[in-house]
Amino acid sequence: MEFKADEQGTVNALEYIIPILERLKLRWCITGGFACYVYGVQRPITDIDIDVEGSKDDAAFQKLLKEVEPHITQSLEHFVDQNYDNYNFEITIDGQVIDICPMKEMGVFDKSKGKYECFYRDGFPRIETIDFHGLRLPLLAKELIIKNKEMLMWQRESDVKDVAGLRASMQK
């Protein structure tokens, strides 16, 4: 498979982070816009969202932070806006941003309930493993990405397009 112009840095970033996640025996999945991209939605690659099973306080998560420290471009912080209440940090590898969140603290504002809900309250989510340039990527299942994007109080145009693209791919 030939690389598109913006994919080489993405592959390099994945080749960096995946062995670390595996060595630390962390369960994880790719979510958000990059998962949509790998599923075939036509969109630009912005960042790679990775949700890691467990809490920010777990020993394995703390080891992850220590291991990637030289590449951290946003330290672990509590982030709250109209859509999310979570902890995350980001690293940048070869120009590609990877945003990493622990699942236990991943709250999404559910506009139908008017409050933040733990998105992973049922434990580790259903994933689909997809090949991307020889890398086996665990992607959050399409219907769960749709559920997440439809819960948001403020949907960007890209969220609406992602949902439409995922729904279309599920019809095939």
N, C-alpha and C. Protein backbone atom coordinates (compact mmCIF):
# COMPACT_ATOMS: atom_id res chain seq x y z
N MET A 1 0.85 -1.18 0.00
CA MET A 1 0.00 0.00 0.00
C MET A 1 0.90 1.24 0.00
N GLU A 2 0.59 2.15 -0.88
CA GLU A 2 1.39 3.37 -0.99
C GLU A 2 0.91 4.41 0.03
N PHE A 3 1.85 5.14 0.57
CA PHE A 3 1.51 6.18 1.54
C PHE A 3 0.93 7.39 0.85
N LYS A 4 -0.10 7.99 1.47
CA LYS A 4 -0.55 9.31 1.07
C LYS A 4 0.44 10.29 1.68
N ALA A 5 0.44 11.51 1.20
CA ALA A 5 1.43 12.51 1.62
C ALA A 5 1.51 12.70 3.13
N ASP A 6 0.38 12.65 3.82
CA ASP A 6 0.37 12.96 5.24
C ASP A 6 0.45 11.71 6.14
N GLU A 7 0.68 10.53 5.56
CA GLU A 7 0.63 9.32 6.36
C GLU A 7 1.98 8.86 6.92
N GLN A 8 3.10 9.25 6.33
CA GLN A 8 4.39 8.73 6.79
C GLN A 8 4.68 9.11 8.24
N GLY A 9 4.46 10.37 8.62
CA GLY A 9 4.67 10.78 10.01
C GLY A 9 3.73 10.05 10.95
N THR A 10 2.52 9.77 10.49
CA THR A 10 1.54 9.05 11.29
C THR A 10 2.02 7.62 11.55
N VAL A 11 2.49 6.97 10.50
CA VAL A 11 3.01 5.60 10.65
C VAL A 11 4.22 5.61 11.58
N ASN A 12 5.12 6.56 11.42
CA ASN A 12 6.29 6.65 12.31
C ASN A 12 5.86 6.81 13.77
N ALA A 13 4.86 7.64 14.02
CA ALA A 13 4.37 7.86 15.38
C ALA A 13 3.77 6.57 15.95
N LEU A 14 3.00 5.86 15.14
CA LEU A 14 2.41 4.59 15.58
C LEU A 14 3.49 3.54 15.84
N GLU A 15 4.51 3.51 14.98
CA GLU A 15 5.61 2.56 15.18
C GLU A 15 6.39 2.87 16.45
N TYR A 16 6.34 4.10 16.91
CA TYR A 16 6.97 4.48 18.18
C TYR A 16 6.12 4.04 19.37
N ILE A 17 4.83 4.37 19.36
CA ILE A 17 4.00 4.19 20.55
C ILE A 17 3.51 2.76 20.74
N ILE A 18 3.21 2.04 19.67
CA ILE A 18 2.64 0.70 19.81
C ILE A 18 3.55 -0.24 20.59
N PRO A 19 4.85 -0.34 20.30
CA PRO A 19 5.70 -1.24 21.09
C PRO A 19 5.75 -0.88 22.58
N ILE A 20 5.66 0.39 22.88
CA ILE A 20 5.67 0.81 24.29
C ILE A 20 4.39 0.34 24.98
N LEU A 21 3.25 0.57 24.34
CA LEU A 21 1.97 0.13 24.90
C LEU A 21 1.97 -1.39 25.10
N GLU A 22 2.50 -2.11 24.12
CA GLU A 22 2.54 -3.58 24.21
C GLU A 22 3.49 -4.05 25.31
N ARG A 23 4.67 -3.45 25.40
CA ARG A 23 5.64 -3.85 26.41
C ARG A 23 5.09 -3.62 27.82
N LEU A 24 4.34 -2.54 27.99
CA LEU A 24 3.75 -2.23 29.30
C LEU A 24 2.45 -3.00 29.56
N LYS A 25 2.06 -3.82 28.57
CA LYS A 25 0.85 -4.65 28.66
C LYS A 25 -0.41 -3.82 28.90
N LEU A 26 -0.46 -2.66 28.28
CA LEU A 26 -1.64 -1.80 28.37
C LEU A 26 -2.63 -2.18 27.26
N ARG A 27 -3.89 -2.27 27.62
CA ARG A 27 -4.94 -2.45 26.61
C ARG A 27 -5.34 -1.06 26.16
N TRP A 28 -5.53 -0.88 24.85
CA TRP A 28 -5.76 0.44 24.31
C TRP A 28 -6.53 0.33 23.01
N CYS A 29 -7.09 1.45 22.59
CA CYS A 29 -7.73 1.52 21.28
C CYS A 29 -7.62 2.94 20.74
N ILE A 30 -7.69 3.01 19.43
CA ILE A 30 -7.66 4.30 18.74
C ILE A 30 -9.10 4.74 18.52
N THR A 31 -9.35 6.01 18.81
CA THR A 31 -10.71 6.56 18.73
C THR A 31 -10.69 7.81 17.84
N GLY A 32 -11.79 8.52 17.83
CA GLY A 32 -11.85 9.84 17.19
C GLY A 32 -11.64 9.84 15.70
N GLY A 33 -11.19 10.99 15.22
CA GLY A 33 -11.06 11.23 13.79
C GLY A 33 -10.08 10.30 13.09
N PHE A 34 -8.98 9.93 13.76
CA PHE A 34 -8.03 9.04 13.09
C PHE A 34 -8.64 7.66 12.90
N ALA A 35 -9.41 7.18 13.87
CA ALA A 35 -10.11 5.90 13.69
C ALA A 35 -11.05 6.00 12.49
N CYS A 36 -11.76 7.12 12.37
CA CYS A 36 -12.65 7.32 11.21
C CYS A 36 -11.85 7.26 9.91
N TYR A 37 -10.69 7.90 9.91
CA TYR A 37 -9.82 7.91 8.73
C TYR A 37 -9.43 6.49 8.33
N VAL A 38 -9.00 5.69 9.32
CA VAL A 38 -8.59 4.31 9.03
C VAL A 38 -9.78 3.49 8.54
N TYR A 39 -10.97 3.78 9.05
CA TYR A 39 -12.19 3.10 8.59
C TYR A 39 -12.58 3.51 7.16
N GLY A 40 -11.95 4.57 6.64
CA GLY A 40 -12.22 4.95 5.25
C GLY A 40 -12.94 6.27 5.06
N VAL A 41 -13.19 6.99 6.15
CA VAL A 41 -13.83 8.31 6.03
C VAL A 41 -12.80 9.28 5.43
N GLN A 42 -13.20 10.01 4.41
CA GLN A 42 -12.32 10.98 3.78
C GLN A 42 -12.24 12.22 4.68
N ARG A 43 -11.09 12.41 5.29
CA ARG A 43 -10.87 13.52 6.22
C ARG A 43 -9.38 13.69 6.39
N PRO A 44 -8.95 14.87 6.83
CA PRO A 44 -7.52 15.04 7.11
C PRO A 44 -7.13 14.33 8.41
N ILE A 45 -5.86 13.96 8.50
CA ILE A 45 -5.34 13.41 9.76
C ILE A 45 -4.91 14.61 10.61
N THR A 46 -5.49 14.73 11.77
CA THR A 46 -5.08 15.80 12.68
C THR A 46 -4.22 15.20 13.79
N ASP A 47 -4.85 14.47 14.70
CA ASP A 47 -4.10 13.80 15.76
C ASP A 47 -4.53 12.35 15.81
N ILE A 48 -3.86 11.58 16.65
CA ILE A 48 -4.22 10.19 16.91
C ILE A 48 -4.69 10.15 18.35
N ASP A 49 -5.96 9.82 18.55
CA ASP A 49 -6.51 9.70 19.90
C ASP A 49 -6.40 8.25 20.35
N ILE A 50 -5.72 8.03 21.47
CA ILE A 50 -5.57 6.69 22.03
C ILE A 50 -6.13 6.70 23.44
N ASP A 51 -7.10 5.81 23.68
CA ASP A 51 -7.64 5.64 25.02
C ASP A 51 -7.05 4.36 25.60
N VAL A 52 -6.53 4.46 26.82
CA VAL A 52 -5.83 3.37 27.49
C VAL A 52 -6.68 2.89 28.66
N GLU A 53 -6.84 1.57 28.75
CA GLU A 53 -7.61 1.01 29.85
C GLU A 53 -6.99 1.38 31.19
N GLY A 54 -7.82 1.69 32.16
CA GLY A 54 -7.35 1.97 33.50
C GLY A 54 -7.41 3.44 33.85
N SER A 55 -6.71 3.75 34.94
CA SER A 55 -6.71 5.09 35.52
C SER A 55 -5.37 5.78 35.33
N LYS A 56 -5.39 7.09 35.43
CA LYS A 56 -4.16 7.88 35.37
C LYS A 56 -3.22 7.54 36.52
N ASP A 57 -3.76 6.97 37.58
CA ASP A 57 -2.96 6.65 38.76
C ASP A 57 -2.39 5.23 38.73
N ASP A 58 -2.78 4.42 37.76
CA ASP A 58 -2.28 3.05 37.66
C ASP A 58 -0.78 3.05 37.39
N ALA A 59 -0.08 2.08 37.94
CA ALA A 59 1.37 1.99 37.77
C ALA A 59 1.77 1.92 36.29
N ALA A 60 1.06 1.14 35.50
CA ALA A 60 1.42 1.00 34.08
C ALA A 60 1.24 2.33 33.34
N PHE A 61 0.21 3.09 33.68
CA PHE A 61 0.00 4.39 33.04
C PHE A 61 1.12 5.35 33.44
N GLN A 62 1.51 5.30 34.68
CA GLN A 62 2.61 6.16 35.15
C GLN A 62 3.93 5.78 34.47
N LYS A 63 4.14 4.48 34.23
CA LYS A 63 5.33 4.03 33.50
C LYS A 63 5.29 4.55 32.07
N LEU A 64 4.10 4.54 31.47
CA LEU A 64 3.94 5.08 30.11
C LEU A 64 4.36 6.55 30.08
N LEU A 65 3.87 7.32 31.02
CA LEU A 65 4.24 8.74 31.09
C LEU A 65 5.75 8.92 31.17
N LYS A 66 6.38 8.13 32.02
CA LYS A 66 7.83 8.23 32.20
C LYS A 66 8.58 7.85 30.92
N GLU A 67 8.12 6.81 30.27
CA GLU A 67 8.78 6.31 29.07
C GLU A 67 8.74 7.31 27.91
N VAL A 68 7.61 7.99 27.76
CA VAL A 68 7.45 8.90 26.61
C VAL A 68 7.81 10.35 26.97
N GLU A 69 8.27 10.57 28.17
CA GLU A 69 8.55 11.91 28.68
C GLU A 69 9.32 12.81 27.71
N PRO A 70 10.35 12.31 27.02
CA PRO A 70 11.09 13.20 26.10
C PRO A 70 10.23 13.75 24.95
N HIS A 71 9.08 13.11 24.69
CA HIS A 71 8.24 13.51 23.56
C HIS A 71 6.95 14.22 23.99
N ILE A 72 6.79 14.44 25.29
CA ILE A 72 5.55 15.07 25.77
C ILE A 72 5.52 16.54 25.35
N THR A 73 4.44 16.91 24.66
CA THR A 73 4.25 18.30 24.24
C THR A 73 3.08 18.95 24.99
N GLN A 74 2.34 18.15 25.74
CA GLN A 74 1.33 18.66 26.69
C GLN A 74 1.31 17.67 27.83
N SER A 75 1.66 18.14 29.02
CA SER A 75 1.71 17.23 30.16
C SER A 75 0.31 16.79 30.57
N LEU A 76 0.27 15.74 31.37
CA LEU A 76 -1.01 15.20 31.84
C LEU A 76 -1.78 16.30 32.56
N GLU A 77 -2.99 16.53 32.11
CA GLU A 77 -3.81 17.56 32.75
C GLU A 77 -5.27 17.14 32.75
N HIS A 78 -6.00 17.74 33.69
CA HIS A 78 -7.44 17.54 33.76
C HIS A 78 -8.07 18.52 32.78
N PHE A 79 -8.78 17.99 31.82
CA PHE A 79 -9.38 18.80 30.76
C PHE A 79 -10.89 18.74 30.88
N VAL A 80 -11.53 19.90 30.93
CA VAL A 80 -12.99 19.95 31.00
C VAL A 80 -13.47 21.02 30.03
N ASP A 81 -14.43 20.65 29.17
CA ASP A 81 -15.12 21.63 28.34
C ASP A 81 -16.58 21.19 28.23
N GLN A 82 -17.30 21.72 27.28
CA GLN A 82 -18.73 21.40 27.17
C GLN A 82 -18.96 19.97 26.70
N ASN A 83 -17.92 19.27 26.24
CA ASN A 83 -18.07 17.90 25.76
C ASN A 83 -17.38 16.86 26.63
N TYR A 84 -16.23 17.19 27.18
CA TYR A 84 -15.41 16.19 27.86
C TYR A 84 -14.99 16.63 29.26
N ASP A 85 -14.83 15.63 30.11
CA ASP A 85 -14.23 15.79 31.43
C ASP A 85 -13.29 14.60 31.56
N ASN A 86 -12.01 14.82 31.26
CA ASN A 86 -11.07 13.72 31.26
C ASN A 86 -9.66 14.19 31.59
N TYR A 87 -8.77 13.24 31.67
CA TYR A 87 -7.35 13.52 31.81
C TYR A 87 -6.69 13.10 30.50
N ASN A 88 -5.74 13.89 30.05
CA ASN A 88 -5.02 13.51 28.86
C ASN A 88 -3.65 14.17 28.82
N PHE A 89 -2.80 13.58 28.00
CA PHE A 89 -1.52 14.21 27.69
C PHE A 89 -1.25 13.94 26.23
N GLU A 90 -0.31 14.69 25.67
CA GLU A 90 0.01 14.45 24.27
C GLU A 90 1.51 14.37 24.08
N ILE A 91 1.85 13.56 23.09
CA ILE A 91 3.23 13.48 22.65
C ILE A 91 3.25 13.83 21.16
N THR A 92 4.39 14.25 20.69
CA THR A 92 4.54 14.52 19.26
C THR A 92 5.75 13.75 18.76
N ILE A 93 5.50 12.94 17.74
CA ILE A 93 6.53 12.12 17.11
C ILE A 93 6.52 12.43 15.62
N ASP A 94 7.64 12.85 15.09
CA ASP A 94 7.77 13.13 13.65
C ASP A 94 6.65 14.06 13.17
N GLY A 95 6.32 15.05 14.00
CA GLY A 95 5.29 16.02 13.64
C GLY A 95 3.86 15.57 13.88
N GLN A 96 3.67 14.32 14.28
CA GLN A 96 2.33 13.77 14.50
C GLN A 96 1.99 13.80 15.99
N VAL A 97 0.88 14.44 16.34
CA VAL A 97 0.41 14.51 17.72
C VAL A 97 -0.37 13.24 18.05
N ILE A 98 -0.04 12.66 19.22
CA ILE A 98 -0.80 11.54 19.78
C ILE A 98 -1.36 12.01 21.10
N ASP A 99 -2.68 11.94 21.24
CA ASP A 99 -3.38 12.36 22.45
C ASP A 99 -3.79 11.10 23.20
N ILE A 100 -3.34 10.96 24.45
CA ILE A 100 -3.57 9.73 25.21
C ILE A 100 -4.39 10.02 26.46
N CYS A 101 -5.47 9.24 26.63
CA CYS A 101 -6.39 9.41 27.77
C CYS A 101 -6.59 8.08 28.48
N PRO A 102 -6.62 8.09 29.81
CA PRO A 102 -7.00 6.88 30.54
C PRO A 102 -8.53 6.72 30.51
N MET A 103 -8.99 5.49 30.26
CA MET A 103 -10.42 5.23 30.10
C MET A 103 -11.23 5.47 31.37
N LYS A 104 -10.65 5.15 32.52
CA LYS A 104 -11.41 5.23 33.78
C LYS A 104 -11.92 6.65 34.04
N GLU A 105 -11.13 7.66 33.65
CA GLU A 105 -11.52 9.05 33.88
C GLU A 105 -12.11 9.73 32.64
N MET A 106 -12.56 8.96 31.66
CA MET A 106 -13.04 9.53 30.40
C MET A 106 -14.53 9.82 30.48
N GLY A 107 -14.86 11.07 30.82
CA GLY A 107 -16.25 11.49 30.88
C GLY A 107 -16.64 12.25 29.62
N VAL A 108 -17.83 11.95 29.12
CA VAL A 108 -18.39 12.64 27.95
C VAL A 108 -19.71 13.25 28.37
N PHE A 109 -19.92 14.50 28.01
CA PHE A 109 -21.18 15.16 28.37
C PHE A 109 -22.30 14.56 27.52
N ASP A 110 -23.28 13.99 28.19
CA ASP A 110 -24.43 13.40 27.50
C ASP A 110 -25.55 14.45 27.52
N LYS A 111 -25.77 15.07 26.35
CA LYS A 111 -26.76 16.15 26.29
C LYS A 111 -28.16 15.66 26.60
N SER A 112 -28.45 14.36 26.37
CA SER A 112 -29.78 13.84 26.68
C SER A 112 -30.00 13.74 28.19
N LYS A 113 -28.92 13.60 28.97
CA LYS A 113 -29.03 13.50 30.43
C LYS A 113 -28.61 14.78 31.12
N GLY A 114 -27.93 15.68 30.38
CA GLY A 114 -27.48 16.95 30.95
C GLY A 114 -26.34 16.82 31.94
N LYS A 115 -25.52 15.77 31.78
CA LYS A 115 -24.38 15.59 32.69
C LYS A 115 -23.30 14.75 32.02
N TYR A 116 -22.10 14.78 32.64
CA TYR A 116 -21.00 13.95 32.16
C TYR A 116 -21.24 12.50 32.59
N GLU A 117 -20.98 11.60 31.67
CA GLU A 117 -21.11 10.17 31.92
C GLU A 117 -19.77 9.51 31.59
N CYS A 118 -19.40 8.49 32.36
CA CYS A 118 -18.20 7.73 32.04
C CYS A 118 -18.48 6.99 30.73
N PHE A 119 -17.70 7.29 29.70
CA PHE A 119 -17.94 6.68 28.40
C PHE A 119 -17.66 5.18 28.41
N TYR A 120 -16.73 4.75 29.23
CA TYR A 120 -16.34 3.34 29.27
C TYR A 120 -16.87 2.64 30.53
N ARG A 121 -18.07 2.99 30.95
CA ARG A 121 -18.61 2.43 32.20
C ARG A 121 -18.82 0.92 32.14
N ASP A 122 -18.89 0.36 30.92
CA ASP A 122 -19.07 -1.09 30.77
C ASP A 122 -17.74 -1.82 30.61
N GLY A 123 -16.63 -1.14 30.90
CA GLY A 123 -15.31 -1.76 30.78
C GLY A 123 -14.70 -1.55 29.41
N PHE A 124 -13.73 -2.38 29.08
CA PHE A 124 -13.01 -2.22 27.81
C PHE A 124 -14.00 -2.38 26.66
N PRO A 125 -13.97 -1.45 25.71
CA PRO A 125 -14.98 -1.45 24.65
C PRO A 125 -14.74 -2.48 23.56
N ARG A 126 -15.76 -2.66 22.74
CA ARG A 126 -15.63 -3.50 21.55
C ARG A 126 -14.75 -2.75 20.56
N ILE A 127 -13.82 -3.48 19.97
CA ILE A 127 -12.91 -2.88 19.00
C ILE A 127 -12.97 -3.67 17.70
N GLU A 128 -12.43 -3.08 16.66
CA GLU A 128 -12.23 -3.75 15.38
C GLU A 128 -10.75 -3.57 15.05
N THR A 129 -10.08 -4.66 14.73
CA THR A 129 -8.65 -4.59 14.40
C THR A 129 -8.52 -4.43 12.89
N ILE A 130 -7.87 -3.36 12.47
CA ILE A 130 -7.73 -3.02 11.06
C ILE A 130 -6.25 -2.85 10.72
N ASP A 131 -5.86 -3.35 9.55
CA ASP A 131 -4.49 -3.18 9.09
C ASP A 131 -4.32 -1.79 8.49
N PHE A 132 -3.27 -1.09 8.91
CA PHE A 132 -2.94 0.23 8.38
C PHE A 132 -1.45 0.23 8.11
N HIS A 133 -1.09 0.10 6.85
CA HIS A 133 0.32 0.06 6.44
C HIS A 133 1.13 -0.98 7.22
N GLY A 134 0.53 -2.17 7.38
CA GLY A 134 1.22 -3.26 8.06
C GLY A 134 1.12 -3.24 9.57
N LEU A 135 0.49 -2.24 10.13
CA LEU A 135 0.27 -2.16 11.58
C LEU A 135 -1.14 -2.62 11.90
N ARG A 136 -1.28 -3.48 12.89
CA ARG A 136 -2.60 -3.95 13.32
C ARG A 136 -3.12 -2.98 14.38
N LEU A 137 -4.11 -2.19 14.01
CA LEU A 137 -4.61 -1.14 14.91
C LEU A 137 -5.95 -1.54 15.52
N PRO A 138 -6.05 -1.48 16.87
CA PRO A 138 -7.34 -1.71 17.53
C PRO A 138 -8.14 -0.41 17.52
N LEU A 139 -9.17 -0.38 16.69
CA LEU A 139 -10.00 0.82 16.59
C LEU A 139 -11.28 0.63 17.40
N LEU A 140 -11.70 1.69 18.07
CA LEU A 140 -12.99 1.68 18.73
C LEU A 140 -14.03 1.32 17.68
N ALA A 141 -14.97 0.43 18.02
CA ALA A 141 -16.00 0.00 17.07
C ALA A 141 -16.76 1.20 16.51
N LYS A 142 -17.13 1.10 15.24
CA LYS A 142 -17.79 2.21 14.54
C LYS A 142 -18.99 2.74 15.30
N GLU A 143 -19.84 1.84 15.80
CA GLU A 143 -21.06 2.31 16.46
C GLU A 143 -20.74 3.07 17.75
N LEU A 144 -19.62 2.74 18.39
CA LEU A 144 -19.23 3.47 19.60
C LEU A 144 -18.66 4.85 19.27
N ILE A 145 -17.95 4.95 18.16
CA ILE A 145 -17.48 6.28 17.72
C ILE A 145 -18.69 7.15 17.39
N ILE A 146 -19.65 6.57 16.70
CA ILE A 146 -20.88 7.32 16.37
C ILE A 146 -21.57 7.76 17.65
N LYS A 147 -21.72 6.84 18.61
CA LYS A 147 -22.37 7.19 19.88
C LYS A 147 -21.65 8.35 20.55
N ASN A 148 -20.30 8.28 20.61
CA ASN A 148 -19.52 9.34 21.24
C ASN A 148 -19.75 10.67 20.53
N LYS A 149 -19.64 10.68 19.22
CA LYS A 149 -19.76 11.94 18.48
C LYS A 149 -21.18 12.50 18.53
N GLU A 150 -22.19 11.64 18.65
CA GLU A 150 -23.57 12.12 18.74
C GLU A 150 -23.93 12.62 20.13
N MET A 151 -23.17 12.23 21.15
CA MET A 151 -23.42 12.69 22.51
C MET A 151 -22.99 14.14 22.71
N LEU A 152 -22.09 14.61 21.89
CA LEU A 152 -21.44 15.90 22.12
C LEU A 152 -22.41 17.07 22.06
N MET A 153 -22.23 18.00 23.00
CA MET A 153 -23.04 19.22 23.02
C MET A 153 -22.73 20.09 21.80
N TRP A 154 -21.46 20.18 21.50
CA TRP A 154 -21.01 21.02 20.40
C TRP A 154 -20.34 20.12 19.40
N GLN A 155 -20.98 19.95 18.24
CA GLN A 155 -20.42 19.10 17.20
C GLN A 155 -19.78 19.98 16.14
N ARG A 156 -18.53 19.66 15.86
CA ARG A 156 -17.84 20.34 14.76
C ARG A 156 -18.34 19.75 13.45
N GLU A 157 -18.10 20.46 12.38
CA GLU A 157 -18.46 19.96 11.06
C GLU A 157 -17.79 18.60 10.81
N SER A 158 -16.56 18.46 11.27
CA SER A 158 -15.84 17.19 11.08
C SER A 158 -16.53 16.03 11.81
N ASP A 159 -17.12 16.29 12.99
CA ASP A 159 -17.84 15.23 13.71
C ASP A 159 -19.06 14.76 12.92
N VAL A 160 -19.80 15.71 12.36
CA VAL A 160 -20.98 15.38 11.56
C VAL A 160 -20.57 14.57 10.33
N LYS A 161 -19.48 14.97 9.67
CA LYS A 161 -19.00 14.24 8.49
C LYS A 161 -18.49 12.85 8.88
N ASP A 162 -17.80 12.76 10.02
CA ASP A 162 -17.32 11.45 10.48
C ASP A 162 -18.49 10.49 10.70
N VAL A 163 -19.53 10.95 11.37
CA VAL A 163 -20.70 10.11 11.64
C VAL A 163 -21.34 9.67 10.32
N ALA A 164 -21.52 10.60 9.39
CA ALA A 164 -22.11 10.25 8.09
C ALA A 164 -21.25 9.23 7.35
N GLY A 165 -19.93 9.45 7.38
CA GLY A 165 -19.02 8.53 6.69
C GLY A 165 -19.02 7.13 7.31
N LEU A 166 -19.05 7.07 8.64
CA LEU A 166 -19.10 5.77 9.31
C LEU A 166 -20.42 5.05 9.04
N ARG A 167 -21.52 5.80 9.10
CA ARG A 167 -22.82 5.18 8.80
C ARG A 167 -22.85 4.64 7.38
N ALA A 168 -22.30 5.39 6.43
CA ALA A 168 -22.26 4.93 5.03
C ALA A 168 -21.42 3.65 4.90
N SER A 169 -20.29 3.61 5.62
CA SER A 169 -19.44 2.42 5.52
C SER A 169 -20.11 1.19 6.16
N MET A 170 -20.98 1.43 7.13
CA MET A 170 -21.68 0.31 7.78
C MET A 170 -22.78 -0.24 6.87
N GLN A 171 -23.24 0.57 5.91
CA GLN A 171 -24.29 0.13 4.98
C GLN A 171 -23.74 -0.80 3.89
N LYS A 172 -22.41 -0.73 3.69
CA LYS A 172 -21.79 -1.52 2.61
C LYS A 172 -21.69 -2.97 2.94
